Amino acid sequence: MTDVKVPTLGESVTEATVATWFKKPGDAVAVDEMLCELETDKVTVEVPSPVAGTLSEIVAAEGTTVGVDALLAQISEGDVATAPAPAPSAAPEPAAPAPSGEEVAVMVPTLGESVTEATVSNWYKKTGDTVAQDEMLCELETDKVSVEVPSPAAGVLGQIMAAEGATVAAGGQLAVIGGASATAAAAPAPAAPATAGKDVEDAPSAKKMMAEHNMPAGSVTGTGKDGRVMKEDVQKALASAPAPAPVAAAPRAPVAADDAAREERVKMTRLRQTIARRLKDSQNTAAMLTTYNEVDMTEVMALRKEYKELFQKKHGVKLGFMSFFTKACCHALKEVPEVNAEIDGTDIVYKNFVHMGIAAGTPTGLVVPVIRDADAMSFADIEKAIAEKGARARDGKLSMAEMQGGTFTISNGGVYGSLMSSPILNPPQSGILGMHKIQDRPMAINGEVVIRPMMYLALSYDHRIVDGKGAVTFLVRVKEALEDPRRLLMDL
């Protein structure tokens, strides 16, 4: 007997409601076939079957509130010749045909928390190609990361059901691995919209959101069971709704015919669309303000020069500037905790830890991998983590978990030559530090003009919870720690 338990629901989410069961006791289920749907106050989570067998008992009925790792059901493992086809409109994703004979379905893998769909960006194989087990078949692009899909079995790629550019849902079917006689079914169609007047209870969170936005019943197409409207459906409807007149995008100015012939139009990637949306949402939501200071990098550069060879020899990684800045920020965040906090409704959530986001530019756009518990790490541990996550970011190999949960962010525009800029907050964080180019400048030191390596620092913060005094204090503490690194050792 195999237990089916509530999966991890996401950061700070401890319970969910069982919204829909797609199977009933006695039904045969295949591995990874969707059993039920859970609804939290943030997202809808589907629970796949961990094994093939028979659903023997449902422990948590629809409407039950369950905690993380709670028992949902039990499955009796047994010989199941073929996976049963899902009931019509049972799942919010397109239904995948059951494999027959030697055919094996290639499914969209789990895409990560709150990610429900992806775009097929590239097929490495074409119909008729022979593939080995675990050989990469295609690449999917979500709004956060790229996901490679390996072949679940050795055989022949019989049919591609989602071509390049197609949008696929989590759990949807991509292709069939089998003999020459691949199924001739067309690409699965999206779930049918709810019919008017159908007696289906919408998700509670969906009804609440519709009421908050004055959306009449029937105005949102549901993708849940039997056309049930889910929270994500309302969010998509709101996102696609025309923007209010004051913020509506201006129409593109007319372009001369000879100029239009020399233009190139390229569709924004999901990652770029998400970057654009999140940055604009940050501006629209937070009361963002930036304060500036400058830091004399003489002592940090001298310390780095003196110990860089010994550091690399012992720890196997180069000693860079980022570990100094990370340490300095962690030190300052202890004194000014509101810069390491976030707003949740009418509450302020203070974090008694520092998960440091390190912004990194990649060929596909800006990503922010997170170094967890950076405040408890050594210089060497920080440098190793930055190097490892930076390489994974450039290769597009970062997982969803590696980019979630940050409490503060550092962005280094200086590597591109930026002398001064105002970084944009990474919501829901309330602070981001902008580093810039180190430049020799004449400075007045003890009544004399001397040349010093100077860097401008910029702290953008959410003025809703961070006052000017706190922001300035934070930046001064960072400056002091960098100009005299001994303060870090003595916690001053």
Protein backbone atom coordinates (compact mmCIF):
# COMPACT_ATOMS: atom_id res chain seq x y z
CA MET A 1 0.00 0.00 0.00
CA THR A 2 1.41 3.41 -1.00
CA ASP A 3 0.43 6.63 0.73
CA VAL A 4 -0.45 9.74 -1.27
CA LYS A 5 0.49 12.80 0.76
CA VAL A 6 0.16 16.55 0.43
CA PRO A 7 3.27 17.90 -1.37
CA THR A 8 5.23 21.01 -0.44
CA LEU A 9 2.86 23.90 -1.10
CA GLY A 10 5.34 26.73 -1.38
CA GLU A 11 7.08 29.20 0.83
CA SER A 12 4.99 30.21 3.91
CA VAL A 13 2.02 28.07 2.75
CA THR A 14 1.12 25.47 5.37
CA GLU A 15 -2.31 24.20 4.34
CA ALA A 16 -4.62 23.71 1.39
CA THR A 17 -8.17 22.66 0.56
CA VAL A 18 -8.92 19.54 -1.46
CA ALA A 19 -10.72 21.09 -4.41
CA THR A 20 -11.34 18.18 -6.81
CA TRP A 21 -10.74 14.44 -6.99
CA PHE A 22 -10.20 13.22 -10.54
CA LYS A 23 -10.40 9.57 -9.46
CA LYS A 24 -12.66 7.55 -7.16
CA PRO A 25 -11.91 4.48 -5.02
CA GLY A 26 -11.50 1.41 -7.21
CA ASP A 27 -10.18 3.33 -10.22
CA ALA A 28 -6.93 2.16 -11.82
CA VAL A 29 -4.23 4.82 -11.96
CA ALA A 30 -0.91 5.13 -13.78
CA VAL A 31 2.33 6.62 -12.46
CA ASP A 32 2.17 10.45 -12.52
CA GLU A 33 -1.52 10.41 -13.46
CA MET A 34 -3.28 13.30 -11.73
CA LEU A 35 -5.32 12.18 -8.71
CA CYS A 36 -6.60 15.40 -7.20
CA GLU A 37 -6.31 19.14 -7.10
CA LEU A 38 -5.44 21.18 -4.00
CA GLU A 39 -6.13 24.85 -3.64
CA THR A 40 -4.10 27.22 -1.46
CA ASP A 41 -4.58 30.93 -0.98
CA LYS A 42 -1.98 31.48 -3.71
CA VAL A 43 -1.95 28.65 -6.24
CA THR A 44 -3.63 25.46 -7.33
CA VAL A 45 -1.51 22.33 -6.89
CA GLU A 46 -2.10 19.02 -8.65
CA VAL A 47 -1.16 15.78 -6.93
CA PRO A 48 0.08 12.98 -9.24
CA SER A 49 0.02 9.29 -8.41
CA PRO A 50 3.41 8.13 -7.09
CA VAL A 51 2.85 4.55 -8.36
CA ALA A 52 0.70 2.54 -10.73
CA GLY A 53 -2.12 0.59 -9.12
CA THR A 54 -5.64 0.99 -7.80
CA LEU A 55 -6.96 3.90 -5.74
CA SER A 56 -8.13 1.96 -2.70
CA GLU A 57 -9.14 4.75 -0.33
CA ILE A 58 -9.64 8.53 -0.32
CA VAL A 59 -8.78 9.83 3.15
CA ALA A 60 -9.35 13.56 2.54
CA ALA A 61 -12.57 14.29 0.71
CA GLU A 62 -13.29 17.35 -1.42
CA GLY A 63 -13.55 20.46 0.74
CA THR A 64 -11.25 19.10 3.45
CA THR A 65 -8.47 21.35 4.73
CA VAL A 66 -5.15 19.51 4.87
CA GLY A 67 -1.64 20.39 6.01
CA VAL A 68 1.69 19.74 4.31
CA ASP A 69 2.53 16.01 4.30
CA ALA A 70 -1.00 15.04 5.40
CA LEU A 71 -2.41 11.76 4.07
CA LEU A 72 -4.72 12.22 1.08
CA ALA A 73 -5.28 8.67 -0.14
CA GLN A 74 -3.84 5.18 -0.44
CA ILE A 75 -3.01 3.21 -3.57
CA SER A 76 -2.77 -0.55 -3.81
CA GLU A 77 0.09 -1.37 -6.12
CA GLY A 78 -0.67 -4.00 -8.71
CA ASP A 79 -0.35 -5.02 -12.33
CA VAL A 80 -1.96 -2.41 -14.50
CA ALA A 81 -1.68 -3.33 -18.16
CA THR A 82 -2.53 0.07 -19.52
CA ALA A 83 -3.19 3.39 -17.91
CA PRO A 84 -6.86 4.29 -18.13
CA ALA A 85 -7.75 7.35 -20.15
CA PRO A 86 -8.76 10.25 -17.90
CA ALA A 87 -12.44 11.06 -17.74
CA PRO A 88 -13.52 13.86 -20.11
CA SER A 89 -12.70 17.31 -18.77
CA ALA A 90 -11.39 15.69 -15.59
CA ALA A 91 -8.18 17.67 -15.39
CA PRO A 92 -7.46 21.28 -16.23
CA GLU A 93 -4.73 20.23 -18.64
CA PRO A 94 -5.31 18.53 -22.00
CA ALA A 95 -5.97 14.82 -21.55
CA ALA A 96 -3.20 12.55 -22.81
CA PRO A 97 -4.10 9.35 -24.65
CA ALA A 98 -3.09 6.15 -22.89
CA PRO A 99 -0.12 4.34 -24.39
CA SER A 100 -0.96 1.23 -26.37
CA GLY A 101 1.36 -1.66 -27.16
CA GLU A 102 4.94 -0.46 -26.96
CA GLU A 103 4.06 3.21 -27.07
CA VAL A 104 5.17 5.51 -24.26
CA ALA A 105 3.80 9.01 -23.78
CA VAL A 106 6.23 11.92 -23.34
CA MET A 107 4.64 14.26 -20.83
CA VAL A 108 5.34 17.81 -19.72
CA PRO A 109 7.27 17.48 -16.43
CA THR A 110 6.51 19.40 -13.26
CA LEU A 111 7.43 22.98 -14.05
CA GLY A 112 7.76 24.34 -10.54
CA GLU A 113 5.70 26.11 -7.96
CA SER A 114 2.98 28.36 -9.45
CA VAL A 115 4.08 27.57 -13.05
CA THR A 116 1.24 25.98 -15.00
CA GLU A 117 2.35 26.22 -18.62
CA ALA A 118 5.38 26.47 -20.87
CA THR A 119 6.33 27.08 -24.49
CA VAL A 120 8.05 24.43 -26.59
CA SER A 121 11.18 26.32 -27.60
CA ASN A 122 13.20 23.64 -29.39
CA TRP A 123 12.90 20.02 -30.53
CA TYR A 124 16.23 18.17 -30.65
CA LYS A 125 14.66 15.22 -32.46
CA LYS A 126 12.20 14.84 -35.30
CA THR A 127 9.50 12.28 -36.04
CA GLY A 128 11.04 8.93 -36.98
CA ASP A 129 14.32 9.50 -35.13
CA THR A 130 15.62 6.75 -32.90
CA VAL A 131 16.12 7.89 -29.31
CA ALA A 132 17.79 6.37 -26.27
CA GLN A 133 16.33 6.44 -22.79
CA ASP A 134 17.08 9.77 -21.04
CA GLU A 135 18.25 11.35 -24.32
CA MET A 136 17.05 14.94 -24.52
CA LEU A 137 14.02 15.33 -26.78
CA CYS A 138 13.05 18.97 -26.45
CA GLU A 139 13.39 22.12 -24.40
CA LEU A 140 10.53 23.97 -22.75
CA GLU A 141 10.65 27.60 -21.73
CA THR A 142 8.64 28.91 -18.80
CA ASP A 143 8.47 32.47 -17.58
CA LYS A 144 11.32 31.68 -15.18
CA VAL A 145 13.53 28.84 -16.38
CA SER A 146 14.23 26.50 -19.28
CA VAL A 147 13.40 22.82 -18.78
CA GLU A 148 14.84 19.97 -20.83
CA VAL A 149 12.64 16.93 -21.40
CA PRO A 150 14.40 13.54 -21.60
CA SER A 151 13.00 10.48 -23.34
CA PRO A 152 11.24 8.20 -20.84
CA ALA A 153 12.18 5.12 -22.90
CA ALA A 154 14.30 3.94 -25.81
CA GLY A 155 12.54 3.68 -29.15
CA VAL A 156 11.40 5.73 -32.11
CA LEU A 157 9.88 9.20 -31.86
CA GLY A 158 6.53 8.31 -33.38
CA GLN A 159 4.65 11.57 -33.14
CA ILE A 160 5.28 15.12 -31.96
CA MET A 161 2.05 16.45 -30.49
CA ALA A 162 3.27 19.93 -29.53
CA ALA A 163 5.36 21.69 -32.16
CA GLU A 164 7.92 24.42 -31.51
CA GLY A 165 6.16 27.56 -30.34
CA ALA A 166 3.19 25.66 -28.92
CA THR A 167 2.02 26.42 -25.38
CA VAL A 168 1.64 23.31 -23.23
CA ALA A 169 0.21 22.81 -19.76
CA ALA A 170 1.93 21.03 -16.90
CA GLY A 171 1.08 17.34 -17.26
CA GLY A 172 0.13 17.71 -20.95
CA GLN A 173 1.44 15.38 -23.64
CA LEU A 174 4.35 16.34 -25.87
CA ALA A 175 5.01 13.28 -27.99
CA VAL A 176 4.82 9.50 -28.31
CA ILE A 177 7.77 7.11 -28.22
CA GLY A 178 7.01 3.83 -29.98
CA GLY A 179 7.00 1.94 -33.25
CA ALA A 180 6.11 3.30 -36.66
CA SER A 181 2.39 3.09 -35.91
CA ALA A 182 2.11 6.15 -33.77
CA THR A 183 -1.30 7.40 -32.82
CA ALA A 184 -2.78 9.80 -35.31
CA ALA A 185 -4.49 11.90 -32.74
CA ALA A 186 -4.16 15.61 -33.19
CA ALA A 187 -2.64 17.82 -30.56
CA PRO A 188 -4.89 17.86 -27.54
CA ALA A 189 -7.28 20.76 -27.40
CA PRO A 190 -7.64 22.92 -24.32
CA ALA A 191 -10.29 21.97 -21.82
CA ALA A 192 -13.74 23.05 -22.87
CA PRO A 193 -14.96 26.27 -21.28
CA ALA A 194 -17.73 26.16 -18.75
CA THR A 195 -21.18 26.34 -20.27
CA ALA A 196 -23.54 29.05 -19.20
CA GLY A 197 -25.79 28.08 -16.36
CA LYS A 198 -23.88 24.89 -15.56
CA ASP A 199 -24.26 23.87 -11.91
CA VAL A 200 -20.56 23.89 -11.00
CA GLU A 201 -19.18 25.40 -7.80
CA ASP A 202 -16.25 27.70 -8.54
CA ALA A 203 -13.17 27.69 -6.31
CA PRO A 204 -13.66 29.85 -3.18
CA SER A 205 -10.52 31.89 -3.86
CA ALA A 206 -11.71 32.47 -7.44
CA LYS A 207 -15.10 33.73 -6.25
CA LYS A 208 -13.42 36.01 -3.73
CA MET A 209 -11.10 37.50 -6.34
CA MET A 210 -13.97 37.99 -8.80
CA ALA A 211 -15.96 39.82 -6.13
CA GLU A 212 -12.98 42.04 -5.28
CA HIS A 213 -12.67 43.06 -8.94
CA ASN A 214 -16.42 43.32 -9.61
CA MET A 215 -16.33 40.53 -12.18
CA PRO A 216 -19.80 39.06 -12.88
CA ALA A 217 -20.39 35.31 -12.74
CA GLY A 218 -19.82 33.67 -16.12
CA SER A 219 -17.29 36.29 -17.23
CA VAL A 220 -14.33 33.96 -16.65
CA THR A 221 -13.67 30.73 -18.53
CA GLY A 222 -12.93 27.91 -16.11
CA THR A 223 -10.27 25.27 -16.70
CA GLY A 224 -11.02 23.15 -13.63
CA LYS A 225 -13.15 20.04 -13.46
CA ASP A 226 -16.41 20.45 -15.44
CA GLY A 227 -15.48 24.05 -16.21
CA ARG A 228 -14.83 25.01 -12.58
CA VAL A 229 -13.32 28.50 -12.34
CA MET A 230 -9.98 28.45 -10.49
CA LYS A 231 -7.99 31.32 -9.01
CA GLU A 232 -5.50 31.13 -11.90
CA ASP A 233 -8.37 31.58 -14.38
CA VAL A 234 -9.38 34.84 -12.72
CA GLN A 235 -5.75 36.00 -12.63
CA LYS A 236 -5.37 35.29 -16.35
CA ALA A 237 -8.63 37.09 -17.10
CA LEU A 238 -7.43 40.12 -15.13
CA ALA A 239 -4.05 40.05 -16.85
CA SER A 240 -5.63 39.93 -20.31
CA ALA A 241 -8.24 42.59 -19.55
CA PRO A 242 -7.73 45.98 -21.23
CA ALA A 243 -5.68 48.32 -19.08
CA PRO A 244 -7.43 51.40 -17.65
CA ALA A 245 -7.18 54.45 -19.84
CA PRO A 246 -4.58 56.33 -17.75
CA VAL A 247 -2.04 53.51 -18.04
CA ALA A 248 -3.02 52.06 -21.40
CA ALA A 249 -0.09 51.58 -23.74
CA ALA A 250 0.07 54.17 -26.48
CA PRO A 251 -0.39 52.82 -30.01
CA ARG A 252 2.76 52.42 -32.02
CA ALA A 253 3.54 55.42 -34.15
CA PRO A 254 3.17 54.98 -37.91
CA VAL A 255 6.28 53.61 -39.60
CA ALA A 256 7.30 54.49 -43.13
CA ALA A 257 7.16 51.60 -45.57
CA ASP A 258 10.87 51.68 -46.35
CA ASP A 259 11.68 51.67 -42.60
CA ALA A 260 9.24 48.83 -41.90
CA ALA A 261 10.99 46.69 -44.50
CA ARG A 262 14.23 47.01 -42.53
CA GLU A 263 12.72 46.23 -39.13
CA GLU A 264 12.78 42.85 -37.43
CA ARG A 265 9.92 41.79 -35.17
CA VAL A 266 10.73 39.09 -32.60
CA LYS A 267 8.26 37.72 -30.06
CA MET A 268 9.34 38.33 -26.47
CA THR A 269 10.38 35.18 -24.64
CA ARG A 270 8.39 34.16 -21.60
CA LEU A 271 11.34 35.10 -19.40
CA ARG A 272 11.54 38.59 -20.92
CA GLN A 273 7.76 39.05 -20.57
CA THR A 274 7.98 38.06 -16.92
CA ILE A 275 10.91 40.41 -16.29
CA ALA A 276 8.97 43.27 -17.87
CA ARG A 277 5.79 42.49 -15.93
CA ARG A 278 7.49 42.05 -12.56
CA LEU A 279 9.55 45.22 -12.85
CA LYS A 280 6.52 47.26 -13.83
CA ASP A 281 4.46 45.68 -11.05
CA SER A 282 7.23 46.64 -8.64
CA GLN A 283 7.03 50.27 -9.73
CA ASN A 284 3.23 50.27 -9.53
CA THR A 285 3.07 48.61 -6.08
CA ALA A 286 5.99 49.76 -3.95
CA ALA A 287 6.63 53.33 -2.84
CA MET A 288 10.12 53.05 -4.25
CA LEU A 289 12.83 55.54 -3.35
CA THR A 290 16.61 55.46 -3.82
CA THR A 291 19.32 56.84 -1.58
CA TYR A 292 22.98 57.11 -2.60
CA ASN A 293 26.41 57.08 -1.01
CA GLU A 294 29.96 56.31 -2.05
CA VAL A 295 32.55 53.97 -0.66
CA ASP A 296 36.33 54.13 -0.70
CA MET A 297 37.42 50.65 -1.86
CA THR A 298 41.08 51.09 -0.83
CA GLU A 299 41.01 48.72 2.16
CA VAL A 300 38.95 46.00 0.45
CA MET A 301 41.21 46.06 -2.60
CA ALA A 302 44.35 45.91 -0.44
CA LEU A 303 42.99 43.02 1.61
CA ARG A 304 41.94 41.16 -1.51
CA LYS A 305 45.34 41.68 -3.15
CA GLU A 306 47.18 40.47 -0.06
CA TYR A 307 45.22 37.26 0.45
CA LYS A 308 43.79 36.31 -2.95
CA GLU A 309 46.46 33.72 -3.75
CA LEU A 310 46.29 32.05 -0.33
CA PHE A 311 42.50 32.20 -0.46
CA GLN A 312 42.31 30.48 -3.83
CA LYS A 313 44.93 27.90 -2.85
CA LYS A 314 43.03 26.91 0.29
CA HIS A 315 39.41 27.23 -0.86
CA GLY A 316 39.68 26.55 -4.59
CA VAL A 317 37.80 29.69 -5.54
CA LYS A 318 38.80 33.29 -6.28
CA LEU A 319 38.28 36.00 -3.69
CA GLY A 320 36.03 38.60 -5.31
CA PHE A 321 34.28 41.74 -4.18
CA MET A 322 30.82 40.13 -3.91
CA SER A 323 31.63 38.25 -0.71
CA PHE A 324 32.67 41.53 0.96
CA PHE A 325 29.46 43.24 -0.15
CA THR A 326 27.33 40.26 0.88
CA LYS A 327 28.93 40.19 4.32
CA ALA A 328 28.57 43.96 4.69
CA CYS A 329 24.88 43.83 3.74
CA CYS A 330 24.16 40.95 6.14
CA HIS A 331 25.87 42.97 8.88
CA ALA A 332 23.79 46.09 8.09
CA LEU A 333 20.52 44.15 7.82
CA LYS A 334 20.85 43.04 11.44
CA GLU A 335 20.82 46.68 12.52
CA VAL A 336 18.10 47.76 10.09
CA PRO A 337 15.78 44.70 9.88
CA GLU A 338 13.00 46.52 8.00
CA VAL A 339 15.19 46.49 4.88
CA ASN A 340 15.10 42.69 5.15
CA ALA A 341 11.31 42.55 5.57
CA GLU A 342 8.27 42.43 3.33
CA ILE A 343 4.64 43.53 3.38
CA ASP A 344 1.92 40.87 3.51
CA GLY A 345 -1.46 42.55 3.43
CA THR A 346 -1.56 44.75 6.52
CA ASP A 347 1.34 42.89 8.20
CA ILE A 348 5.08 43.41 8.06
CA VAL A 349 7.02 40.14 7.97
CA TYR A 350 10.51 40.46 9.44
CA LYS A 351 13.02 37.81 8.35
CA ASN A 352 15.42 36.56 11.02
CA PHE A 353 17.71 35.26 8.30
CA VAL A 354 19.19 36.55 5.06
CA HIS A 355 18.54 34.75 1.78
CA MET A 356 20.66 36.92 -0.51
CA GLY A 357 19.62 37.35 -4.12
CA ILE A 358 22.54 37.97 -6.49
CA ALA A 359 21.28 39.46 -9.76
CA ALA A 360 22.94 37.91 -12.80
CA GLY A 361 22.68 38.84 -16.45
CA THR A 362 22.30 35.92 -18.86
CA PRO A 363 21.89 35.69 -22.65
CA THR A 364 18.12 35.28 -22.12
CA GLY A 365 17.62 37.97 -19.49
CA LEU A 366 18.10 38.92 -15.86
CA VAL A 367 17.74 36.21 -13.21
CA VAL A 368 18.27 36.38 -9.45
CA PRO A 369 19.58 33.14 -7.92
CA VAL A 370 19.30 33.08 -4.13
CA ILE A 371 22.03 32.17 -1.64
CA ARG A 372 20.15 30.84 1.36
CA ASP A 373 21.30 31.76 4.88
CA ALA A 374 24.09 33.94 3.54
CA ASP A 375 24.37 35.56 6.97
CA ALA A 376 25.69 32.25 8.37
CA MET A 377 28.22 31.63 5.59
CA SER A 378 31.95 32.29 5.39
CA PHE A 379 33.65 34.34 2.67
CA ALA A 380 34.69 31.12 0.94
CA ASP A 381 31.20 29.60 1.11
CA ILE A 382 29.70 32.78 -0.36
CA GLU A 383 32.22 32.93 -3.21
CA LYS A 384 31.65 29.25 -4.03
CA ALA A 385 27.88 29.69 -4.03
CA ILE A 386 28.06 32.78 -6.24
CA ALA A 387 30.36 31.05 -8.74
CA GLU A 388 28.23 27.89 -8.88
CA LYS A 389 24.90 29.68 -9.24
CA GLY A 390 26.33 32.15 -11.74
CA ALA A 391 27.49 29.31 -13.97
CA ARG A 392 24.09 27.58 -13.69
CA ALA A 393 22.36 30.86 -14.53
CA ARG A 394 24.43 31.37 -17.70
CA ASP A 395 23.72 27.78 -18.76
CA GLY A 396 19.98 28.15 -18.08
CA LYS A 397 20.13 25.33 -15.51
CA LEU A 398 18.77 27.15 -12.47
CA SER A 399 15.82 25.44 -10.82
CA MET A 400 12.74 27.22 -9.54
CA ALA A 401 13.80 26.61 -5.94
CA GLU A 402 17.11 28.38 -6.55
CA MET A 403 15.34 31.62 -7.49
CA GLN A 404 12.72 31.72 -4.74
CA GLY A 405 12.68 33.00 -1.19
CA GLY A 406 15.17 35.87 -1.44
CA THR A 407 14.92 38.53 1.29
CA PHE A 408 17.37 41.11 -0.12
CA THR A 409 19.14 41.55 -3.45
CA ILE A 410 22.51 42.86 -4.65
CA SER A 411 22.85 44.00 -8.27
CA ASN A 412 26.30 44.72 -9.69
CA GLY A 413 25.98 47.04 -12.66
CA GLY A 414 29.64 47.90 -12.32
CA VAL A 415 30.68 44.81 -14.25
CA TYR A 416 29.11 46.44 -17.31
CA GLY A 417 30.70 49.83 -16.64
CA SER A 418 27.75 51.54 -14.95
CA LEU A 419 28.84 54.53 -12.85
CA MET A 420 25.44 55.33 -11.30
CA SER A 421 21.95 53.80 -11.48
CA SER A 422 18.78 53.28 -9.44
CA PRO A 423 18.01 49.54 -9.16
CA ILE A 424 14.38 48.39 -9.16
CA LEU A 425 13.08 46.36 -6.24
CA ASN A 426 12.66 42.63 -6.62
CA PRO A 427 9.18 42.13 -5.08
CA PRO A 428 8.19 41.35 -2.40
CA GLN A 429 11.57 42.43 -1.03
CA SER A 430 11.87 45.91 0.45
CA GLY A 431 15.49 46.61 -0.46
CA ILE A 432 18.08 46.17 -3.23
CA LEU A 433 21.67 47.38 -3.27
CA GLY A 434 23.19 48.61 -6.51
CA MET A 435 26.98 48.32 -6.93
CA HIS A 436 28.78 50.31 -9.60
CA LYS A 437 32.08 50.80 -11.36
CA ILE A 438 35.19 51.42 -9.27
CA GLN A 439 36.73 54.64 -10.53
CA ASP A 440 39.77 56.59 -9.37
CA ARG A 441 38.66 60.03 -8.19
CA PRO A 442 40.33 62.91 -6.32
CA MET A 443 39.16 62.91 -2.69
CA ALA A 444 39.86 65.30 0.19
CA ILE A 445 41.48 63.17 2.93
CA ASN A 446 42.75 64.92 6.10
CA GLY A 447 42.96 68.23 4.27
CA GLU A 448 44.82 66.80 1.28
CA VAL A 449 43.63 65.83 -2.18
CA VAL A 450 44.45 62.19 -2.91
CA ILE A 451 43.37 59.74 -5.60
CA ARG A 452 41.21 56.93 -4.27
CA PRO A 453 39.29 54.04 -5.90
CA MET A 454 35.68 55.05 -5.32
CA MET A 455 32.37 53.31 -5.96
CA TYR A 456 28.89 54.81 -5.87
CA LEU A 457 26.34 52.75 -3.95
CA ALA A 458 22.58 52.96 -4.42
CA LEU A 459 19.91 51.53 -2.11
CA SER A 460 16.41 51.37 -3.54
CA TYR A 461 13.86 50.68 -0.83
CA ASP A 462 10.13 50.44 -0.23
CA HIS A 463 9.21 53.63 1.58
CA ARG A 464 6.00 51.99 2.84
CA ILE A 465 7.99 50.13 5.52
CA VAL A 466 11.49 51.64 5.35
CA ASP A 467 11.90 55.22 6.49
CA GLY A 468 14.62 57.50 5.22
CA LYS A 469 16.57 57.19 8.47
CA GLY A 470 16.66 53.40 8.19
CA ALA A 471 17.70 53.47 4.54
CA VAL A 472 20.50 55.95 5.13
CA THR A 473 21.67 54.07 8.23
CA PHE A 474 21.80 50.82 6.28
CA LEU A 475 23.89 52.34 3.50
CA VAL A 476 26.25 54.04 5.96
CA ARG A 477 26.81 50.73 7.77
CA VAL A 478 27.66 49.04 4.45
CA LYS A 479 30.08 51.88 3.65
CA GLU A 480 31.74 51.64 7.07
CA ALA A 481 32.17 47.86 6.84
CA LEU A 482 33.78 48.09 3.41
CA GLU A 483 36.08 50.99 4.25
CA ASP A 484 37.24 49.17 7.38
CA PRO A 485 36.63 45.39 6.91
CA ARG A 486 37.88 44.74 10.46
CA ARG A 487 34.46 45.97 11.66
CA LEU A 488 32.95 42.78 10.18
CA LEU A 489 35.19 40.62 12.34
CA MET A 490 34.32 42.55 15.51
CA ASP A 491 30.61 42.98 14.65
CA LEU A 492 30.81 46.76 14.84
